[in-house]
Amino acid sequence: MEHSRWHQLLKEQLPEGYFKQINQFLDQVYASGTIYPPREKVFQALKTTNLEEVKVVILGQDPYHGPGQAQGLSFSVPDDILAPPSLQNILKELAEDVGLKPSHDLTPWAEQGVLLLNACLTVPAGQANGHAGLIWEEFTDAVIRLVSQEEEHVVFILWGAYARKKKSLIDASKHLIIESAHPSPLSAYRGFFGSRPFSRANAYLTEMGREPIDWLRS
């Protein structure tokens, strides 16, 4: 990410020395125990999806905290790992909305311009939200703000109360915001199922003259 447009523009948005603080934080936590995702994948979302290619943003809270799950992309796990419950529900809604995706690795979405961003980019093993409020939120808020400012006609998909708090960072006059309940089994039946975010996103992209996402690509 060091030489990407992300790095250059985020440096302008963040306080002096913020990247140094992040690196010090990473040195400290990865030396202290098991942290997910693997360190080389912490910034995978930004490495896979360039700023100028972003068409959709799907915001998660923090990485999965079980062995082998987290890939640095929100909600995604490798195909040889069992899909966690939220991802199972995402794929269920996808099947109802546009069709069956044969894999649960969402990297092909990221490669087409879907920024799969978690608000926190690291998590200690077995401790959901274990790094919340420490360093990441200012960084990832800057990412969201940057997409809103620099790009046009992006779809922001906000699932659940936590993601919906980020609405204030997005210019709704030039982007589409799709909101619903979270795909977690605790809330999916309260408005996530039937919300059809994937076809709605593509309808908007098509209307704005942008290439739609092939959500079923593996």
Protein backbone atom coordinates (compact mmCIF):
# COMPACT_ATOMS: atom_id res chain seq x y z
CA MET A 1 0.00 0.00 0.00
CA GLU A 2 2.98 2.30 0.62
CA HIS A 3 3.15 3.67 -2.92
CA SER A 4 -0.57 3.58 -3.71
CA ARG A 5 -2.96 6.49 -4.02
CA TRP A 6 -4.56 5.27 -0.79
CA HIS A 7 -1.32 5.83 1.11
CA GLN A 8 -0.68 9.25 -0.40
CA LEU A 9 -4.17 10.63 0.28
CA LEU A 10 -4.65 8.98 3.68
CA LYS A 11 -1.39 10.54 4.81
CA GLU A 12 -2.91 13.95 4.05
CA GLN A 13 -6.12 13.09 5.96
CA LEU A 14 -4.54 11.66 9.11
CA PRO A 15 -2.56 13.38 11.87
CA GLU A 16 1.21 13.67 11.49
CA GLY A 17 2.93 10.38 12.35
CA TYR A 18 -0.23 8.25 12.30
CA PHE A 19 1.24 5.56 10.03
CA LYS A 20 4.20 5.30 12.39
CA GLN A 21 1.79 4.80 15.31
CA ILE A 22 -0.01 2.05 13.37
CA ASN A 23 3.27 0.25 12.66
CA GLN A 24 4.29 0.49 16.32
CA PHE A 25 0.89 -0.90 17.34
CA LEU A 26 1.26 -3.80 14.87
CA ASP A 27 4.81 -4.56 16.09
CA GLN A 28 3.54 -4.65 19.65
CA VAL A 29 0.40 -6.79 19.22
CA TYR A 30 1.86 -9.33 16.77
CA ALA A 31 4.77 -9.86 19.18
CA SER A 32 2.39 -10.39 22.11
CA GLY A 33 0.18 -13.26 20.91
CA THR A 34 -2.00 -14.62 18.10
CA ILE A 35 -3.58 -11.84 16.05
CA TYR A 36 -5.81 -12.13 12.97
CA PRO A 37 -5.50 -11.72 10.03
CA PRO A 38 -1.86 -12.63 9.31
CA ARG A 39 0.16 -9.41 9.44
CA GLU A 40 0.80 -9.35 5.70
CA LYS A 41 -2.99 -9.26 5.12
CA VAL A 42 -3.91 -6.44 7.52
CA PHE A 43 -4.30 -3.96 4.63
CA GLN A 44 -5.57 -6.55 2.12
CA ALA A 45 -8.77 -4.61 1.34
CA LEU A 46 -6.78 -1.53 0.25
CA LYS A 47 -4.19 -3.62 -1.59
CA THR A 48 -6.83 -5.49 -3.58
CA THR A 49 -9.15 -2.58 -4.41
CA ASN A 50 -7.53 0.63 -5.64
CA LEU A 51 -9.25 3.88 -4.66
CA GLU A 52 -10.08 4.83 -8.24
CA GLU A 53 -11.69 1.39 -8.81
CA VAL A 54 -14.09 1.47 -5.84
CA LYS A 55 -17.72 0.94 -6.86
CA VAL A 56 -19.16 -0.58 -3.68
CA VAL A 57 -18.11 -0.42 -0.02
CA ILE A 58 -19.24 -3.19 2.35
CA LEU A 59 -18.38 -2.25 5.91
CA GLY A 60 -17.73 -4.84 8.60
CA GLN A 61 -16.83 -4.35 12.25
CA ASP A 62 -13.66 -6.39 12.82
CA PRO A 63 -11.98 -9.52 11.43
CA TYR A 64 -13.10 -13.04 12.27
CA HIS A 65 -11.20 -14.22 15.35
CA GLY A 66 -10.95 -17.97 14.68
CA PRO A 67 -7.98 -19.86 13.14
CA GLY A 68 -7.59 -19.47 9.38
CA GLN A 69 -10.73 -17.37 8.87
CA ALA A 70 -9.64 -13.74 8.48
CA GLN A 71 -8.23 -12.65 5.11
CA GLY A 72 -8.18 -8.89 5.59
CA LEU A 73 -11.47 -8.58 3.66
CA SER A 74 -14.71 -7.99 5.56
CA PHE A 75 -16.98 -11.05 5.80
CA SER A 76 -14.71 -13.17 3.54
CA VAL A 77 -13.02 -16.47 4.44
CA PRO A 78 -10.91 -18.87 2.34
CA ASP A 79 -12.90 -21.55 0.54
CA ASP A 80 -11.44 -24.35 2.66
CA ILE A 81 -12.82 -22.72 5.85
CA LEU A 82 -16.45 -23.17 6.93
CA ALA A 83 -18.45 -19.99 6.30
CA PRO A 84 -19.24 -18.22 9.61
CA PRO A 85 -22.95 -17.57 10.34
CA SER A 86 -23.02 -13.95 9.06
CA LEU A 87 -21.39 -14.99 5.78
CA GLN A 88 -23.82 -17.92 5.46
CA ASN A 89 -26.68 -15.42 5.69
CA ILE A 90 -25.03 -13.05 3.19
CA LEU A 91 -24.73 -15.91 0.71
CA LYS A 92 -28.33 -16.95 1.41
CA GLU A 93 -29.57 -13.43 0.63
CA LEU A 94 -27.30 -13.32 -2.43
CA ALA A 95 -28.84 -16.58 -3.71
CA GLU A 96 -32.35 -15.16 -3.26
CA ASP A 97 -31.38 -11.83 -4.83
CA VAL A 98 -29.17 -12.67 -7.83
CA GLY A 99 -28.16 -16.35 -7.71
CA LEU A 100 -25.96 -18.92 -6.02
CA LYS A 101 -22.27 -18.09 -5.52
CA PRO A 102 -20.32 -21.36 -5.43
CA SER A 103 -17.59 -20.08 -3.08
CA HIS A 104 -17.37 -18.01 0.09
CA ASP A 105 -14.01 -16.41 -0.63
CA LEU A 106 -15.08 -12.87 -1.58
CA THR A 107 -11.76 -11.88 -3.17
CA PRO A 108 -13.40 -11.82 -6.65
CA TRP A 109 -15.70 -9.07 -5.36
CA ALA A 110 -12.72 -7.05 -4.13
CA GLU A 111 -11.00 -7.48 -7.50
CA GLN A 112 -14.04 -5.91 -9.22
CA GLY A 113 -14.15 -2.80 -7.05
CA VAL A 114 -15.97 -3.92 -3.89
CA LEU A 115 -14.03 -2.47 -0.94
CA LEU A 116 -14.47 -5.06 1.83
CA LEU A 117 -13.48 -2.86 4.75
CA ASN A 118 -13.56 -3.66 8.45
CA ALA A 119 -13.69 -0.73 10.88
CA CYS A 120 -10.95 -2.47 12.91
CA LEU A 121 -8.28 -4.21 10.86
CA THR A 122 -6.94 -6.60 13.54
CA VAL A 123 -8.35 -8.76 16.33
CA PRO A 124 -6.79 -10.96 19.04
CA ALA A 125 -7.56 -14.69 18.70
CA GLY A 126 -10.91 -15.49 20.27
CA GLN A 127 -11.68 -11.90 21.33
CA ALA A 128 -14.28 -10.22 19.12
CA ASN A 129 -13.75 -6.43 19.09
CA GLY A 130 -10.57 -6.91 21.11
CA HIS A 131 -8.83 -4.03 19.30
CA ALA A 132 -11.87 -1.74 19.10
CA GLY A 133 -11.17 1.84 20.14
CA LEU A 134 -7.38 1.47 20.10
CA ILE A 135 -6.11 2.85 16.79
CA TRP A 136 -8.06 1.66 13.75
CA GLU A 137 -11.25 3.72 13.70
CA GLU A 138 -9.62 7.03 12.81
CA PHE A 139 -7.81 5.29 9.95
CA THR A 140 -10.83 3.46 8.53
CA ASP A 141 -13.09 6.50 8.96
CA ALA A 142 -10.55 8.37 6.83
CA VAL A 143 -10.81 5.60 4.19
CA ILE A 144 -14.61 5.96 4.05
CA ARG A 145 -14.39 9.75 3.92
CA LEU A 146 -11.79 9.56 1.17
CA VAL A 147 -13.95 7.31 -1.02
CA SER A 148 -16.88 9.68 -0.51
CA GLN A 149 -14.82 12.77 -1.38
CA GLU A 150 -12.68 11.47 -4.22
CA GLU A 151 -15.05 9.15 -6.08
CA GLU A 152 -18.54 9.45 -7.54
CA HIS A 153 -21.52 7.08 -7.68
CA VAL A 154 -20.30 4.55 -5.13
CA VAL A 155 -22.71 2.23 -3.28
CA PHE A 156 -22.13 2.11 0.49
CA ILE A 157 -23.71 -1.01 2.03
CA LEU A 158 -24.17 -0.52 5.78
CA TRP A 159 -25.35 -3.59 7.70
CA GLY A 160 -26.28 -3.15 11.34
CA ALA A 161 -26.19 -0.29 13.84
CA TYR A 162 -22.41 -0.08 14.01
CA ALA A 163 -21.97 0.36 10.24
CA ARG A 164 -24.90 2.75 10.01
CA LYS A 165 -23.15 5.15 12.41
CA LYS A 166 -20.69 5.81 9.56
CA LYS A 167 -23.37 7.51 7.43
CA SER A 168 -22.16 10.94 8.50
CA LEU A 169 -18.87 10.30 6.66
CA ILE A 170 -20.66 9.78 3.32
CA ASP A 171 -21.99 12.43 0.93
CA ALA A 172 -25.44 11.02 0.17
CA SER A 173 -25.95 13.56 -2.62
CA LYS A 174 -23.48 11.77 -4.90
CA HIS A 175 -23.51 8.19 -3.61
CA LEU A 176 -26.11 5.51 -2.81
CA ILE A 177 -26.40 4.30 0.79
CA ILE A 178 -28.09 0.93 1.32
CA GLU A 179 -28.90 0.17 4.96
CA SER A 180 -30.41 -2.81 6.72
CA ALA A 181 -30.11 -5.03 9.77
CA HIS A 182 -26.88 -6.98 10.19
CA PRO A 183 -26.60 -10.44 8.56
CA SER A 184 -25.81 -11.98 11.96
CA PRO A 185 -28.25 -14.75 12.97
CA LEU A 186 -29.30 -12.48 15.85
CA SER A 187 -30.67 -9.81 13.51
CA ALA A 188 -30.87 -11.11 9.92
CA TYR A 189 -34.62 -11.71 10.19
CA ARG A 190 -35.19 -8.09 11.25
CA GLY A 191 -34.70 -6.64 7.78
CA PHE A 192 -31.53 -8.09 6.29
CA PHE A 193 -33.28 -10.95 4.52
CA GLY A 194 -35.24 -9.55 1.60
CA SER A 195 -33.26 -6.30 1.44
CA ARG A 196 -31.76 -7.26 -1.96
CA PRO A 197 -28.57 -5.16 -1.61
CA PHE A 198 -26.74 -6.83 -4.49
CA SER A 199 -29.32 -6.23 -7.23
CA ARG A 200 -30.00 -2.72 -5.88
CA ALA A 201 -26.29 -1.90 -6.01
CA ASN A 202 -26.03 -3.13 -9.60
CA ALA A 203 -29.16 -1.25 -10.68
CA TYR A 204 -27.63 1.98 -9.36
CA LEU A 205 -24.21 1.33 -10.93
CA THR A 206 -25.85 0.57 -14.29
CA GLU A 207 -28.02 3.69 -14.07
CA MET A 208 -24.89 5.76 -13.40
CA GLY A 209 -23.08 4.27 -16.39
CA ARG A 210 -20.74 2.10 -14.31
CA GLU A 211 -20.01 -1.58 -14.85
CA PRO A 212 -22.10 -3.71 -12.46
CA ILE A 213 -20.50 -6.27 -10.13
CA ASP A 214 -20.58 -9.96 -11.06
CA TRP A 215 -21.53 -11.09 -7.56
CA LEU A 216 -21.40 -14.76 -8.55
CA ARG A 217 -17.82 -14.78 -9.82
CA SER A 218 -15.52 -17.23 -8.04
